[in-house]
Each structure stands twice: as C-alpha cells, then as structure tokens.
C-alpha cells in the first residue's frame, strides 16, 4: 500500500466517524466485525485503540482504550426502550488468559435507548 492509500483510508475513517475526535484528539479505534453482539433489537460493538504515549516496552506495559457502542434497531417498537444498568466484561489477553468482572453503571452514564438510537 502507498502513503496515498493509507492517508485516504485515514481521512475516510475520520470523516465517517470510525476514528472519533474527542477533545480535539483523533482516536484511531480499530473496528473488528467479530466484536459485535446482537440481542433482540440491541447491537453492541467494541473497538480498540492502542495508546502509545501511555505504553512502554521496558517494563512491558501496553495501554489500550475501548469504545463501546450500543445501538437500537430503527425498527424496534417504542415499548422496547431500555437502558444499560450493568455490564459483564470478559477480557482475554494475547496469552489467552481470561479475566471476568461485573460492573454497575450509574443511571446518568447511559441514556435510555429508543428506536434508531445510538
């Protein structure tokens, strides 16, 4: 691939929202179609972003951020509105070690999902 190909892809990701701009900083989140789950009318997807500035090789410490996106189908009935109140995390590292945790959310963090809502 050429620099022009890379740059065009980079700009397309920014314009399409694939790489969101948060507080004037571009976050290069990598989207993997395998990291999508659907339950009824709700779709949840996760993408990752490696943060080089917070990571180091010696000692090895790699820092990632995660972007979790919830979306309700635009065809969902109004009575299907819902709100996330807790989350179950299953985290697997490169060595296939898995860690699980449950996390509650205050009501103010996640808004109520309605038909077509992100």
C-alpha atoms as a PDB file:
ATOM      1  CA  UNK A   1       0.000   0.000   0.000  1.00  0.00           C
ATOM      2  CA  UNK A   2       1.165   3.502  -0.715  1.00  0.00           C
ATOM      3  CA  UNK A   3       1.166   6.519   1.561  1.00  0.00           C
ATOM      4  CA  UNK A   4      -1.703   7.927  -0.503  1.00  0.00           C
ATOM      5  CA  UNK A   5      -3.749   4.752   0.150  1.00  0.00           C
ATOM      6  CA  UNK A   6      -3.006   4.933   3.882  1.00  0.00           C
ATOM      7  CA  UNK A   7      -3.775   8.652   4.088  1.00  0.00           C
ATOM      8  CA  UNK A   8      -7.014   8.302   2.111  1.00  0.00           C
ATOM      9  CA  UNK A   9      -8.134   5.473   4.412  1.00  0.00           C
ATOM     10  CA  UNK A  10      -7.181   7.539   7.483  1.00  0.00           C
ATOM     11  CA  UNK A  11      -9.177  10.578   6.313  1.00  0.00           C
ATOM     12  CA  UNK A  12     -12.167   8.394   5.373  1.00  0.00           C
ATOM     13  CA  UNK A  13     -12.139   6.919   8.897  1.00  0.00           C
ATOM     14  CA  UNK A  14     -12.141  10.407  10.421  1.00  0.00           C
ATOM     15  CA  UNK A  15     -14.924  11.709   8.156  1.00  0.00           C
ATOM     16  CA  UNK A  16     -17.118   8.611   8.668  1.00  0.00           C
ATOM     17  CA  UNK A  17     -16.694   8.657  12.476  1.00  0.00           C
ATOM     18  CA  UNK A  18     -14.607   5.463  12.522  1.00  0.00           C
ATOM     19  CA  UNK A  19     -11.844   7.491  14.200  1.00  0.00           C
ATOM     20  CA  UNK A  20     -13.752   9.850  16.517  1.00  0.00           C
ATOM     21  CA  UNK A  21     -12.411  13.254  17.530  1.00  0.00           C
ATOM     22  CA  UNK A  22     -12.678  13.648  21.302  1.00  0.00           C
ATOM     23  CA  UNK A  23     -11.426  16.868  22.914  1.00  0.00           C
ATOM     24  CA  UNK A  24      -9.592  17.796  19.682  1.00  0.00           C
ATOM     25  CA  UNK A  25      -7.706  14.476  19.614  1.00  0.00           C
ATOM     26  CA  UNK A  26      -8.160  11.794  16.934  1.00  0.00           C
ATOM     27  CA  UNK A  27      -8.636   8.300  18.372  1.00  0.00           C
ATOM     28  CA  UNK A  28      -7.703   5.534  15.942  1.00  0.00           C
ATOM     29  CA  UNK A  29     -10.132   2.859  17.064  1.00  0.00           C
ATOM     30  CA  UNK A  30      -9.780  -0.438  15.224  1.00  0.00           C
ATOM     31  CA  UNK A  31     -13.153  -1.968  14.354  1.00  0.00           C
ATOM     32  CA  UNK A  32     -13.406  -5.768  14.195  1.00  0.00           C
ATOM     33  CA  UNK A  33     -16.697  -7.216  12.870  1.00  0.00           C
ATOM     34  CA  UNK A  34     -16.109 -10.213  15.181  1.00  0.00           C
ATOM     35  CA  UNK A  35     -16.566  -7.894  18.193  1.00  0.00           C
ATOM     36  CA  UNK A  36     -20.286  -7.313  17.636  1.00  0.00           C
ATOM     37  CA  UNK A  37     -23.132  -8.892  19.600  1.00  0.00           C
ATOM     38  CA  UNK A  38     -26.872  -8.632  18.989  1.00  0.00           C
ATOM     39  CA  UNK A  39     -29.632  -9.305  21.495  1.00  0.00           C
ATOM     40  CA  UNK A  40     -33.102  -8.669  20.164  1.00  0.00           C
ATOM     41  CA  UNK A  41     -33.145  -5.102  18.827  1.00  0.00           C
ATOM     42  CA  UNK A  42     -29.876  -4.068  20.529  1.00  0.00           C
ATOM     43  CA  UNK A  43     -26.462  -4.201  18.835  1.00  0.00           C
ATOM     44  CA  UNK A  44     -23.285  -3.735  20.892  1.00  0.00           C
ATOM     45  CA  UNK A  45     -19.883  -3.309  19.248  1.00  0.00           C
ATOM     46  CA  UNK A  46     -16.423  -2.794  20.708  1.00  0.00           C
ATOM     47  CA  UNK A  47     -13.359  -1.267  19.071  1.00  0.00           C
ATOM     48  CA  UNK A  48      -9.876  -0.705  20.490  1.00  0.00           C
ATOM     49  CA  UNK A  49      -7.234   1.993  20.310  1.00  0.00           C
ATOM     50  CA  UNK A  50      -3.581   1.496  21.326  1.00  0.00           C
ATOM     51  CA  UNK A  51      -2.230   4.465  23.291  1.00  0.00           C
ATOM     52  CA  UNK A  52       1.474   4.620  22.536  1.00  0.00           C
ATOM     53  CA  UNK A  53       2.068   7.627  24.802  1.00  0.00           C
ATOM     54  CA  UNK A  54       0.954   5.635  27.892  1.00  0.00           C
ATOM     55  CA  UNK A  55       2.698   2.379  26.912  1.00  0.00           C
ATOM     56  CA  UNK A  56       6.291   1.203  27.318  1.00  0.00           C
ATOM     57  CA  UNK A  57       8.446  -1.720  26.183  1.00  0.00           C
ATOM     58  CA  UNK A  58      10.624  -1.876  29.350  1.00  0.00           C
ATOM     59  CA  UNK A  59       8.937  -2.968  31.529  1.00  0.00           C
ATOM     60  CA  UNK A  60       6.297  -4.257  29.144  1.00  0.00           C
ATOM     61  CA  UNK A  61       3.129  -2.274  29.742  1.00  0.00           C
ATOM     62  CA  UNK A  62       0.659  -1.718  26.911  1.00  0.00           C
ATOM     63  CA  UNK A  63      -2.278   0.638  27.310  1.00  0.00           C
ATOM     64  CA  UNK A  64      -5.473   0.399  25.251  1.00  0.00           C
ATOM     65  CA  UNK A  65      -8.772   2.245  25.349  1.00  0.00           C
ATOM     66  CA  UNK A  66     -12.055   0.715  24.298  1.00  0.00           C
ATOM     67  CA  UNK A  67     -15.008   2.283  22.552  1.00  0.00           C
ATOM     68  CA  UNK A  68     -18.299   0.571  23.330  1.00  0.00           C
ATOM     69  CA  UNK A  69     -21.198   1.472  21.084  1.00  0.00           C
ATOM     70  CA  UNK A  70     -24.817   0.460  21.684  1.00  0.00           C
ATOM     71  CA  UNK A  71     -27.481   0.879  19.060  1.00  0.00           C
ATOM     72  CA  UNK A  72     -31.166   0.038  18.964  1.00  0.00           C
ATOM     73  CA  UNK A  73     -32.701  -1.027  15.660  1.00  0.00           C
ATOM     74  CA  UNK A  74     -34.688   1.691  13.909  1.00  0.00           C
ATOM     75  CA  UNK A  75     -37.489  -0.880  13.518  1.00  0.00           C
ATOM     76  CA  UNK A  76     -37.764  -1.530  17.285  1.00  0.00           C
ATOM     77  CA  UNK A  77     -41.147  -0.934  18.880  1.00  0.00           C
ATOM     78  CA  UNK A  78     -41.413   2.020  21.338  1.00  0.00           C
ATOM     79  CA  UNK A  79     -42.157  -0.339  24.239  1.00  0.00           C
ATOM     80  CA  UNK A  80     -38.753  -1.990  23.670  1.00  0.00           C
ATOM     81  CA  UNK A  81     -36.921   1.108  25.002  1.00  0.00           C
ATOM     82  CA  UNK A  82     -34.261   0.089  27.518  1.00  0.00           C
ATOM     83  CA  UNK A  83     -31.274   1.333  29.498  1.00  0.00           C
ATOM     84  CA  UNK A  84     -27.989  -0.391  30.335  1.00  0.00           C
ATOM     85  CA  UNK A  85     -27.632  -0.725  34.114  1.00  0.00           C
ATOM     86  CA  UNK A  86     -24.705  -3.157  34.402  1.00  0.00           C
ATOM     87  CA  UNK A  87     -22.058  -4.742  32.255  1.00  0.00           C
ATOM     88  CA  UNK A  88     -20.276  -8.101  32.268  1.00  0.00           C
ATOM     89  CA  UNK A  89     -16.687  -7.928  30.990  1.00  0.00           C
ATOM     90  CA  UNK A  90     -14.713 -10.939  29.760  1.00  0.00           C
ATOM     91  CA  UNK A  91     -11.196  -9.792  28.945  1.00  0.00           C
ATOM     92  CA  UNK A  92      -8.754 -12.091  27.130  1.00  0.00           C
ATOM     93  CA  UNK A  93      -5.105 -11.169  26.625  1.00  0.00           C
ATOM     94  CA  UNK A  94      -2.639 -12.322  23.944  1.00  0.00           C
ATOM     95  CA  UNK A  95      -1.707 -15.369  26.080  1.00  0.00           C
ATOM     96  CA  UNK A  96      -5.382 -16.435  26.141  1.00  0.00           C
ATOM     97  CA  UNK A  97      -5.665 -15.665  29.866  1.00  0.00           C
ATOM     98  CA  UNK A  98      -9.236 -14.605  30.628  1.00  0.00           C
ATOM     99  CA  UNK A  99     -10.478 -12.329  33.389  1.00  0.00           C
ATOM    100  CA  UNK A 100     -14.133 -11.583  34.142  1.00  0.00           C
ATOM    101  CA  UNK A 101     -15.774  -8.790  36.074  1.00  0.00           C
ATOM    102  CA  UNK A 102     -19.209  -7.281  36.569  1.00  0.00           C
ATOM    103  CA  UNK A 103     -19.605  -3.533  36.563  1.00  0.00           C
ATOM    104  CA  UNK A 104     -22.660  -1.427  37.532  1.00  0.00           C
ATOM    105  CA  UNK A 105     -23.413   1.892  35.806  1.00  0.00           C
ATOM    106  CA  UNK A 106     -24.976   4.977  37.398  1.00  0.00           C
ATOM    107  CA  UNK A 107     -28.201   5.984  35.623  1.00  0.00           C
ATOM    108  CA  UNK A 108     -26.595   9.151  34.300  1.00  0.00           C
ATOM    109  CA  UNK A 109     -23.938   7.379  32.187  1.00  0.00           C
ATOM    110  CA  UNK A 110     -26.142   5.513  29.716  1.00  0.00           C
ATOM    111  CA  UNK A 111     -29.199   7.184  28.260  1.00  0.00           C
ATOM    112  CA  UNK A 112     -32.405   5.312  27.510  1.00  0.00           C
ATOM    113  CA  UNK A 113     -32.231   3.564  24.121  1.00  0.00           C
ATOM    114  CA  UNK A 114     -35.158   4.148  21.775  1.00  0.00           C
ATOM    115  CA  UNK A 115     -35.785   3.020  18.202  1.00  0.00           C
ATOM    116  CA  UNK A 116     -32.867   4.062  15.967  1.00  0.00           C
ATOM    117  CA  UNK A 117     -30.900   5.451  18.926  1.00  0.00           C
ATOM    118  CA  UNK A 118     -27.097   5.332  19.242  1.00  0.00           C
END
